[in-house]
Amino acid sequence: MKKTTVYLQEDELKALKKKAFLMNRPIAELIRLGVKMVCQPSSEEEAKMLQSLENIRSKFLDLSQSDIEDLAQEAKKSVRSGKKKSHR
């Protein structure tokens, strides 16, 4: 497990604390549950896209996560610059 920092609005934190109290669960557990729920595919199409990403990832097992993220950022920039050119 890795540690991270999450910034919440005061009312969000208050509601989270109440829910954690009522459920007798730690706040961190509720946050992890929420993340797990959000990360579930919301449609069959999204599930297919996630599987495609995993298939691509498996082809580059020798690359670090950082290398893959850099390649993804380059791809995003390339796609975005192509869209800008096509709108002119």
N, C-alpha and C. Protein backbone atom coordinates (compact mmCIF):
# COMPACT_ATOMS: atom_id res chain seq x y z
N MET A 1 0.85 -1.17 0.00
CA MET A 1 0.00 0.00 0.00
C MET A 1 0.90 1.23 0.00
N LYS A 2 0.47 2.28 -0.71
CA LYS A 2 1.22 3.52 -0.76
C LYS A 2 0.43 4.64 -0.12
N LYS A 3 1.15 5.59 0.43
CA LYS A 3 0.52 6.74 1.08
C LYS A 3 0.38 7.88 0.06
N THR A 4 -0.72 8.60 0.16
CA THR A 4 -0.94 9.77 -0.69
C THR A 4 -1.69 10.83 0.11
N THR A 5 -1.73 12.03 -0.43
CA THR A 5 -2.44 13.12 0.22
C THR A 5 -3.66 13.47 -0.62
N VAL A 6 -4.78 13.67 0.04
CA VAL A 6 -6.02 14.04 -0.63
C VAL A 6 -6.53 15.32 0.00
N TYR A 7 -6.85 16.30 -0.83
CA TYR A 7 -7.41 17.55 -0.33
C TYR A 7 -8.92 17.50 -0.50
N LEU A 8 -9.63 17.81 0.58
CA LEU A 8 -11.09 17.79 0.57
C LEU A 8 -11.62 19.13 1.05
N GLN A 9 -12.80 19.48 0.58
CA GLN A 9 -13.50 20.64 1.11
C GLN A 9 -13.91 20.30 2.54
N GLU A 10 -14.07 21.33 3.37
CA GLU A 10 -14.43 21.09 4.77
C GLU A 10 -15.72 20.29 4.90
N ASP A 11 -16.71 20.61 4.08
CA ASP A 11 -17.98 19.89 4.17
C ASP A 11 -17.83 18.43 3.72
N GLU A 12 -16.94 18.17 2.77
CA GLU A 12 -16.70 16.80 2.33
C GLU A 12 -16.05 15.99 3.45
N LEU A 13 -15.06 16.59 4.11
CA LEU A 13 -14.38 15.90 5.21
C LEU A 13 -15.35 15.64 6.37
N LYS A 14 -16.18 16.62 6.66
CA LYS A 14 -17.17 16.48 7.73
C LYS A 14 -18.11 15.30 7.43
N ALA A 15 -18.61 15.25 6.20
CA ALA A 15 -19.51 14.17 5.80
C ALA A 15 -18.79 12.82 5.84
N LEU A 16 -17.54 12.81 5.42
CA LEU A 16 -16.76 11.57 5.44
C LEU A 16 -16.53 11.08 6.87
N LYS A 17 -16.23 12.00 7.76
CA LYS A 17 -16.04 11.64 9.17
C LYS A 17 -17.32 11.06 9.77
N LYS A 18 -18.47 11.67 9.45
CA LYS A 18 -19.76 11.16 9.94
C LYS A 18 -20.01 9.75 9.43
N LYS A 19 -19.78 9.56 8.14
CA LYS A 19 -20.02 8.24 7.52
C LYS A 19 -19.09 7.20 8.14
N ALA A 20 -17.82 7.56 8.34
CA ALA A 20 -16.86 6.63 8.94
C ALA A 20 -17.30 6.26 10.36
N PHE A 21 -17.78 7.23 11.10
CA PHE A 21 -18.26 6.98 12.46
C PHE A 21 -19.46 6.02 12.45
N LEU A 22 -20.42 6.33 11.58
CA LEU A 22 -21.63 5.49 11.50
C LEU A 22 -21.32 4.06 11.07
N MET A 23 -20.35 3.92 10.19
CA MET A 23 -19.99 2.60 9.67
C MET A 23 -18.92 1.91 10.53
N ASN A 24 -18.40 2.65 11.52
CA ASN A 24 -17.33 2.13 12.37
C ASN A 24 -16.14 1.66 11.52
N ARG A 25 -15.76 2.50 10.58
CA ARG A 25 -14.65 2.22 9.66
C ARG A 25 -13.72 3.42 9.64
N PRO A 26 -12.44 3.19 9.37
CA PRO A 26 -11.51 4.32 9.24
C PRO A 26 -11.81 5.13 7.97
N ILE A 27 -11.54 6.40 8.02
CA ILE A 27 -11.73 7.28 6.86
C ILE A 27 -10.95 6.74 5.67
N ALA A 28 -9.72 6.31 5.90
CA ALA A 28 -8.88 5.80 4.80
C ALA A 28 -9.55 4.63 4.08
N GLU A 29 -10.21 3.77 4.84
CA GLU A 29 -10.90 2.63 4.22
C GLU A 29 -12.03 3.11 3.32
N LEU A 30 -12.77 4.11 3.76
CA LEU A 30 -13.87 4.65 2.93
C LEU A 30 -13.32 5.30 1.66
N ILE A 31 -12.21 6.00 1.79
CA ILE A 31 -11.60 6.62 0.61
C ILE A 31 -11.16 5.54 -0.38
N ARG A 32 -10.51 4.47 0.14
CA ARG A 32 -10.09 3.38 -0.75
C ARG A 32 -11.30 2.73 -1.43
N LEU A 33 -12.39 2.57 -0.68
CA LEU A 33 -13.61 2.00 -1.27
C LEU A 33 -14.14 2.90 -2.39
N GLY A 34 -14.15 4.21 -2.13
CA GLY A 34 -14.60 5.16 -3.15
C GLY A 34 -13.74 5.11 -4.40
N VAL A 35 -12.43 5.03 -4.21
CA VAL A 35 -11.52 4.96 -5.36
C VAL A 35 -11.78 3.68 -6.14
N LYS A 36 -11.96 2.58 -5.42
CA LYS A 36 -12.23 1.30 -6.08
C LYS A 36 -13.51 1.38 -6.91
N MET A 37 -14.53 2.03 -6.37
CA MET A 37 -15.81 2.16 -7.09
C MET A 37 -15.65 3.02 -8.33
N VAL A 38 -14.93 4.13 -8.21
CA VAL A 38 -14.74 5.04 -9.34
C VAL A 38 -13.92 4.38 -10.44
N CYS A 39 -13.00 3.51 -10.07
CA CYS A 39 -12.11 2.88 -11.05
C CYS A 39 -12.73 1.70 -11.78
N GLN A 40 -13.91 1.27 -11.33
CA GLN A 40 -14.61 0.20 -12.05
C GLN A 40 -15.13 0.75 -13.37
N PRO A 41 -15.02 -0.02 -14.45
CA PRO A 41 -15.54 0.47 -15.73
C PRO A 41 -17.03 0.79 -15.63
N SER A 42 -17.42 1.92 -16.20
CA SER A 42 -18.81 2.34 -16.12
C SER A 42 -19.63 1.86 -17.31
N SER A 43 -18.97 1.24 -18.28
CA SER A 43 -19.68 0.71 -19.44
C SER A 43 -18.85 -0.40 -20.07
N GLU A 44 -19.46 -1.14 -20.95
CA GLU A 44 -18.73 -2.20 -21.65
C GLU A 44 -17.63 -1.60 -22.51
N GLU A 45 -17.93 -0.45 -23.12
CA GLU A 45 -16.94 0.23 -23.96
C GLU A 45 -15.71 0.62 -23.13
N GLU A 46 -15.94 1.19 -21.95
CA GLU A 46 -14.82 1.56 -21.09
C GLU A 46 -14.03 0.32 -20.65
N ALA A 47 -14.70 -0.77 -20.37
CA ALA A 47 -14.02 -2.01 -19.98
C ALA A 47 -13.12 -2.49 -21.12
N LYS A 48 -13.62 -2.38 -22.34
CA LYS A 48 -12.80 -2.78 -23.50
C LYS A 48 -11.58 -1.87 -23.65
N MET A 49 -11.77 -0.57 -23.43
CA MET A 49 -10.65 0.36 -23.53
C MET A 49 -9.60 0.05 -22.46
N LEU A 50 -10.05 -0.22 -21.24
CA LEU A 50 -9.13 -0.56 -20.16
C LEU A 50 -8.37 -1.85 -20.47
N GLN A 51 -9.07 -2.81 -21.05
CA GLN A 51 -8.41 -4.07 -21.43
C GLN A 51 -7.39 -3.82 -22.53
N SER A 52 -7.72 -2.95 -23.48
CA SER A 52 -6.77 -2.60 -24.54
C SER A 52 -5.51 -1.96 -23.96
N LEU A 53 -5.71 -1.06 -22.99
CA LEU A 53 -4.56 -0.44 -22.34
C LEU A 53 -3.70 -1.49 -21.64
N GLU A 54 -4.35 -2.44 -20.97
CA GLU A 54 -3.60 -3.50 -20.29
C GLU A 54 -2.84 -4.37 -21.28
N ASN A 55 -3.46 -4.64 -22.43
CA ASN A 55 -2.80 -5.43 -23.48
C ASN A 55 -1.56 -4.70 -24.00
N ILE A 56 -1.69 -3.40 -24.20
CA ILE A 56 -0.55 -2.61 -24.64
C ILE A 56 0.53 -2.62 -23.57
N ARG A 57 0.12 -2.43 -22.33
CA ARG A 57 1.07 -2.41 -21.21
C ARG A 57 1.85 -3.71 -21.13
N SER A 58 1.19 -4.83 -21.35
CA SER A 58 1.87 -6.13 -21.24
C SER A 58 2.95 -6.30 -22.30
N LYS A 59 2.84 -5.57 -23.40
CA LYS A 59 3.86 -5.64 -24.46
C LYS A 59 5.12 -4.87 -24.10
N PHE A 60 5.03 -4.03 -23.09
CA PHE A 60 6.15 -3.18 -22.71
C PHE A 60 6.56 -3.41 -21.26
N LEU A 61 6.60 -4.66 -20.86
CA LEU A 61 6.92 -4.99 -19.47
C LEU A 61 8.31 -4.52 -19.05
N ASP A 62 9.21 -4.36 -20.01
CA ASP A 62 10.56 -3.92 -19.67
C ASP A 62 10.64 -2.41 -19.43
N LEU A 63 9.57 -1.67 -19.75
CA LEU A 63 9.55 -0.23 -19.51
C LEU A 63 9.06 0.05 -18.10
N SER A 64 9.58 1.10 -17.51
CA SER A 64 9.12 1.49 -16.18
C SER A 64 7.77 2.20 -16.30
N GLN A 65 7.07 2.31 -15.20
CA GLN A 65 5.80 3.03 -15.17
C GLN A 65 6.01 4.47 -15.63
N SER A 66 7.12 5.06 -15.20
CA SER A 66 7.45 6.43 -15.57
C SER A 66 7.66 6.57 -17.08
N ASP A 67 8.35 5.60 -17.69
CA ASP A 67 8.55 5.62 -19.15
C ASP A 67 7.22 5.54 -19.88
N ILE A 68 6.34 4.69 -19.39
CA ILE A 68 5.02 4.53 -20.02
C ILE A 68 4.21 5.81 -19.88
N GLU A 69 4.25 6.43 -18.70
CA GLU A 69 3.53 7.68 -18.50
C GLU A 69 4.06 8.77 -19.43
N ASP A 70 5.37 8.82 -19.61
CA ASP A 70 5.97 9.79 -20.54
C ASP A 70 5.49 9.56 -21.97
N LEU A 71 5.46 8.29 -22.39
CA LEU A 71 4.96 7.97 -23.73
C LEU A 71 3.49 8.34 -23.88
N ALA A 72 2.71 8.10 -22.84
CA ALA A 72 1.29 8.46 -22.89
C ALA A 72 1.11 9.97 -23.01
N GLN A 73 1.91 10.73 -22.28
CA GLN A 73 1.83 12.19 -22.36
C GLN A 73 2.21 12.67 -23.76
N GLU A 74 3.25 12.07 -24.34
CA GLU A 74 3.63 12.44 -25.70
C GLU A 74 2.51 12.13 -26.68
N ALA A 75 1.86 10.98 -26.51
CA ALA A 75 0.75 10.61 -27.38
C ALA A 75 -0.41 11.59 -27.25
N LYS A 76 -0.73 11.99 -26.01
CA LYS A 76 -1.79 12.97 -25.78
C LYS A 76 -1.48 14.27 -26.50
N LYS A 77 -0.25 14.75 -26.33
CA LYS A 77 0.15 16.00 -26.97
C LYS A 77 0.03 15.90 -28.48
N SER A 78 0.44 14.77 -29.02
CA SER A 78 0.38 14.56 -30.46
C SER A 78 -1.06 14.58 -30.96
N VAL A 79 -1.94 13.90 -30.24
CA VAL A 79 -3.36 13.86 -30.62
C VAL A 79 -3.97 15.26 -30.52
N ARG A 80 -3.66 15.96 -29.43
CA ARG A 80 -4.21 17.30 -29.23
C ARG A 80 -3.72 18.27 -30.29
N SER A 81 -2.46 18.20 -30.65
CA SER A 81 -1.93 19.12 -31.66
C SER A 81 -2.55 18.80 -33.02
N GLY A 82 -2.83 17.53 -33.29
CA GLY A 82 -3.51 17.13 -34.52
C GLY A 82 -4.92 17.67 -34.59
N LYS A 83 -5.62 17.67 -33.44
CA LYS A 83 -6.98 18.21 -33.40
C LYS A 83 -7.00 19.70 -33.62
N LYS A 84 -6.02 20.40 -33.05
CA LYS A 84 -5.94 21.85 -33.21
C LYS A 84 -5.72 22.21 -34.68
N LYS A 85 -4.86 21.44 -35.34
CA LYS A 85 -4.57 21.71 -36.76
C LYS A 85 -5.79 21.46 -37.62
N SER A 86 -6.58 20.42 -37.29
CA SER A 86 -7.75 20.08 -38.10
C SER A 86 -8.88 21.07 -37.94
N HIS A 87 -8.89 21.84 -36.82
CA HIS A 87 -9.95 22.81 -36.59
C HIS A 87 -9.67 24.15 -37.24
N ARG A 88 -8.51 24.32 -37.80
CA ARG A 88 -8.16 25.62 -38.40
C ARG A 88 -8.73 25.80 -39.76
